Amino acid sequence: MPNTASVRFVKKARAEYDGYLLIEGDYIKESFRIMFENTRDISNEVDALTATVSDLSSRLKAVETRLAIAELDILAHTH
C-alpha cells in the first residue's frame, strides 16, 4: 500500500515523465526515462518493505503478548 508521500511523488514524476517528449536530446530523454522508471521501482520496493516491517511488527507484538500471558500463568502457578 503506497504511502501519501510516494503517491504524491509518483504523480509529480508522472507529470514530468509525460512531458519528457519535449526534451530534445535523445541521451537526456533516455536518461530521464530510466531515472523515472528506477525511481518508480524503488518506490514500489520501499512500499513492499514498509508492509513487511508493519507485518513483522504486528507479529512481534502478538508474540510479546503471548509471552507476557505465559509468564503471568507461570507466576500464578508457582505461588
N, C-alpha and C. Protein backbone atom coordinates (compact mmCIF):
# COMPACT_ATOMS: atom_id res chain seq x y z
N MET A 1 0.85 -1.17 0.00
CA MET A 1 0.00 0.00 0.00
C MET A 1 0.90 1.24 0.00
N PRO A 2 0.83 2.06 -1.03
CA PRO A 2 1.69 3.23 -1.12
C PRO A 2 1.33 4.27 -0.07
N ASN A 3 2.36 4.92 0.48
CA ASN A 3 2.08 5.98 1.43
C ASN A 3 1.78 7.27 0.67
N THR A 4 1.29 8.27 1.38
CA THR A 4 0.87 9.52 0.75
C THR A 4 2.02 10.23 0.04
N ALA A 5 3.19 10.22 0.68
CA ALA A 5 4.34 10.90 0.08
C ALA A 5 4.73 10.24 -1.23
N SER A 6 4.75 8.90 -1.27
CA SER A 6 5.15 8.23 -2.51
C SER A 6 4.11 8.43 -3.60
N VAL A 7 2.83 8.48 -3.23
CA VAL A 7 1.77 8.73 -4.23
C VAL A 7 1.95 10.12 -4.82
N ARG A 8 2.21 11.12 -3.96
CA ARG A 8 2.43 12.48 -4.46
C ARG A 8 3.64 12.53 -5.37
N PHE A 9 4.73 11.84 -4.96
CA PHE A 9 5.94 11.84 -5.76
C PHE A 9 5.69 11.22 -7.13
N VAL A 10 5.02 10.07 -7.14
CA VAL A 10 4.77 9.38 -8.41
C VAL A 10 3.88 10.24 -9.30
N LYS A 11 2.87 10.89 -8.72
CA LYS A 11 2.00 11.77 -9.53
C LYS A 11 2.82 12.90 -10.13
N LYS A 12 3.69 13.52 -9.31
CA LYS A 12 4.51 14.61 -9.80
C LYS A 12 5.49 14.10 -10.85
N ALA A 13 6.13 12.98 -10.56
CA ALA A 13 7.10 12.42 -11.50
C ALA A 13 6.42 12.01 -12.80
N ARG A 14 5.21 11.44 -12.70
CA ARG A 14 4.49 11.02 -13.90
C ARG A 14 4.20 12.23 -14.78
N ALA A 15 3.81 13.33 -14.15
CA ALA A 15 3.54 14.55 -14.93
C ALA A 15 4.82 15.00 -15.64
N GLU A 16 5.94 14.95 -14.91
CA GLU A 16 7.20 15.33 -15.52
C GLU A 16 7.61 14.31 -16.59
N TYR A 17 7.36 13.05 -16.32
CA TYR A 17 7.71 12.00 -17.27
C TYR A 17 6.88 12.14 -18.54
N ASP A 18 5.60 12.46 -18.39
CA ASP A 18 4.75 12.64 -19.56
C ASP A 18 5.26 13.77 -20.44
N GLY A 19 5.90 14.76 -19.83
CA GLY A 19 6.42 15.88 -20.60
C GLY A 19 7.82 15.66 -21.13
N TYR A 20 8.37 14.49 -20.89
CA TYR A 20 9.75 14.26 -21.31
C TYR A 20 9.90 14.29 -22.83
N LEU A 21 8.82 14.12 -23.56
CA LEU A 21 8.90 14.18 -25.03
C LEU A 21 9.33 15.56 -25.51
N LEU A 22 9.17 16.57 -24.66
CA LEU A 22 9.58 17.92 -25.03
C LEU A 22 11.10 18.09 -24.97
N ILE A 23 11.79 17.14 -24.33
CA ILE A 23 13.25 17.21 -24.24
C ILE A 23 13.82 16.86 -25.61
N GLU A 24 14.76 17.65 -26.04
CA GLU A 24 15.28 17.46 -27.40
C GLU A 24 16.41 16.46 -27.50
N GLY A 25 17.28 16.39 -26.51
CA GLY A 25 18.43 15.48 -26.60
C GLY A 25 18.01 14.05 -26.32
N ASP A 26 18.35 13.14 -27.23
CA ASP A 26 17.98 11.74 -27.05
C ASP A 26 18.62 11.13 -25.81
N TYR A 27 19.88 11.46 -25.56
CA TYR A 27 20.58 10.92 -24.39
C TYR A 27 19.90 11.41 -23.11
N ILE A 28 19.60 12.69 -23.04
CA ILE A 28 18.94 13.26 -21.86
C ILE A 28 17.55 12.67 -21.71
N LYS A 29 16.84 12.53 -22.80
CA LYS A 29 15.49 11.96 -22.77
C LYS A 29 15.52 10.53 -22.23
N GLU A 30 16.44 9.72 -22.73
CA GLU A 30 16.55 8.33 -22.29
C GLU A 30 16.99 8.27 -20.83
N SER A 31 17.92 9.13 -20.45
CA SER A 31 18.37 9.17 -19.05
C SER A 31 17.21 9.52 -18.13
N PHE A 32 16.39 10.47 -18.54
CA PHE A 32 15.24 10.87 -17.74
C PHE A 32 14.25 9.73 -17.60
N ARG A 33 14.01 9.01 -18.68
CA ARG A 33 13.08 7.88 -18.66
C ARG A 33 13.58 6.80 -17.71
N ILE A 34 14.86 6.50 -17.79
CA ILE A 34 15.44 5.47 -16.93
C ILE A 34 15.38 5.90 -15.47
N MET A 35 15.69 7.15 -15.20
CA MET A 35 15.63 7.65 -13.82
C MET A 35 14.21 7.54 -13.28
N PHE A 36 13.23 7.90 -14.07
CA PHE A 36 11.83 7.82 -13.64
C PHE A 36 11.46 6.37 -13.33
N GLU A 37 11.82 5.47 -14.22
CA GLU A 37 11.46 4.06 -14.01
C GLU A 37 12.18 3.49 -12.80
N ASN A 38 13.45 3.84 -12.61
CA ASN A 38 14.18 3.37 -11.43
C ASN A 38 13.56 3.92 -10.15
N THR A 39 13.18 5.18 -10.17
CA THR A 39 12.55 5.79 -9.00
C THR A 39 11.22 5.12 -8.69
N ARG A 40 10.46 4.81 -9.71
CA ARG A 40 9.18 4.12 -9.52
C ARG A 40 9.42 2.74 -8.91
N ASP A 41 10.42 2.01 -9.40
CA ASP A 41 10.74 0.69 -8.86
C ASP A 41 11.18 0.78 -7.40
N ILE A 42 12.01 1.78 -7.10
CA ILE A 42 12.46 1.97 -5.72
C ILE A 42 11.27 2.30 -4.82
N SER A 43 10.37 3.14 -5.29
CA SER A 43 9.19 3.49 -4.51
C SER A 43 8.35 2.25 -4.23
N ASN A 44 8.19 1.39 -5.23
CA ASN A 44 7.44 0.15 -5.02
C ASN A 44 8.13 -0.76 -4.02
N GLU A 45 9.44 -0.81 -4.10
CA GLU A 45 10.20 -1.65 -3.17
C GLU A 45 10.09 -1.11 -1.74
N VAL A 46 10.16 0.19 -1.59
CA VAL A 46 10.01 0.80 -0.26
C VAL A 46 8.63 0.49 0.31
N ASP A 47 7.61 0.58 -0.53
CA ASP A 47 6.25 0.26 -0.08
C ASP A 47 6.15 -1.20 0.37
N ALA A 48 6.77 -2.11 -0.39
CA ALA A 48 6.75 -3.53 -0.02
C ALA A 48 7.50 -3.75 1.29
N LEU A 49 8.65 -3.10 1.45
CA LEU A 49 9.42 -3.24 2.69
C LEU A 49 8.66 -2.66 3.88
N THR A 50 7.97 -1.55 3.66
CA THR A 50 7.17 -0.95 4.73
C THR A 50 6.06 -1.90 5.17
N ALA A 51 5.42 -2.55 4.21
CA ALA A 51 4.38 -3.52 4.54
C ALA A 51 4.97 -4.70 5.31
N THR A 52 6.15 -5.15 4.92
CA THR A 52 6.81 -6.26 5.61
C THR A 52 7.15 -5.87 7.05
N VAL A 53 7.68 -4.68 7.23
CA VAL A 53 8.03 -4.21 8.58
C VAL A 53 6.77 -4.11 9.44
N SER A 54 5.70 -3.61 8.86
CA SER A 54 4.44 -3.49 9.59
C SER A 54 3.93 -4.87 10.01
N ASP A 55 4.00 -5.83 9.09
CA ASP A 55 3.56 -7.19 9.39
C ASP A 55 4.42 -7.81 10.49
N LEU A 56 5.74 -7.66 10.37
CA LEU A 56 6.64 -8.21 11.38
C LEU A 56 6.43 -7.55 12.74
N SER A 57 6.16 -6.26 12.73
CA SER A 57 5.90 -5.55 13.98
C SER A 57 4.64 -6.09 14.66
N SER A 58 3.61 -6.31 13.88
CA SER A 58 2.36 -6.86 14.42
C SER A 58 2.58 -8.26 14.98
N ARG A 59 3.34 -9.07 14.25
CA ARG A 59 3.60 -10.43 14.71
C ARG A 59 4.44 -10.43 15.98
N LEU A 60 5.41 -9.52 16.06
CA LEU A 60 6.25 -9.42 17.25
C LEU A 60 5.42 -9.00 18.46
N LYS A 61 4.50 -8.07 18.27
CA LYS A 61 3.63 -7.65 19.38
C LYS A 61 2.76 -8.80 19.85
N ALA A 62 2.29 -9.63 18.91
CA ALA A 62 1.49 -10.79 19.28
C ALA A 62 2.32 -11.78 20.10
N VAL A 63 3.57 -12.01 19.71
CA VAL A 63 4.45 -12.92 20.44
C VAL A 63 4.73 -12.35 21.83
N GLU A 64 5.00 -11.05 21.91
CA GLU A 64 5.25 -10.44 23.21
C GLU A 64 4.05 -10.59 24.13
N THR A 65 2.85 -10.41 23.58
CA THR A 65 1.63 -10.56 24.38
C THR A 65 1.49 -11.99 24.88
N ARG A 66 1.73 -12.96 24.00
CA ARG A 66 1.63 -14.37 24.40
C ARG A 66 2.67 -14.71 25.47
N LEU A 67 3.87 -14.18 25.32
CA LEU A 67 4.91 -14.43 26.32
C LEU A 67 4.54 -13.81 27.67
N ALA A 68 3.97 -12.63 27.65
CA ALA A 68 3.57 -11.97 28.89
C ALA A 68 2.47 -12.77 29.58
N ILE A 69 1.52 -13.29 28.81
CA ILE A 69 0.44 -14.11 29.38
C ILE A 69 1.02 -15.41 29.94
N ALA A 70 1.95 -16.03 29.21
CA ALA A 70 2.56 -17.27 29.68
C ALA A 70 3.35 -17.02 30.97
N GLU A 71 4.04 -15.90 31.04
CA GLU A 71 4.80 -15.56 32.23
C GLU A 71 3.88 -15.37 33.43
N LEU A 72 2.76 -14.69 33.22
CA LEU A 72 1.80 -14.50 34.30
C LEU A 72 1.22 -15.83 34.75
N ASP A 73 0.98 -16.71 33.79
CA ASP A 73 0.44 -18.03 34.11
C ASP A 73 1.44 -18.83 34.93
N ILE A 74 2.72 -18.76 34.55
CA ILE A 74 3.76 -19.48 35.29
C ILE A 74 3.89 -18.91 36.69
N LEU A 75 3.87 -17.59 36.82
CA LEU A 75 3.97 -16.96 38.15
C LEU A 75 2.77 -17.33 39.03
N ALA A 76 1.59 -17.44 38.43
CA ALA A 76 0.40 -17.77 39.19
C ALA A 76 0.49 -19.20 39.72
N HIS A 77 1.11 -20.10 39.00
CA HIS A 77 1.19 -21.50 39.40
C HIS A 77 2.34 -21.76 40.38
N THR A 78 3.32 -20.88 40.44
CA THR A 78 4.45 -21.11 41.33
C THR A 78 4.21 -20.59 42.73
N HIS A 79 3.21 -19.81 42.92
CA HIS A 79 2.94 -19.26 44.26
C HIS A 79 1.81 -19.97 44.90
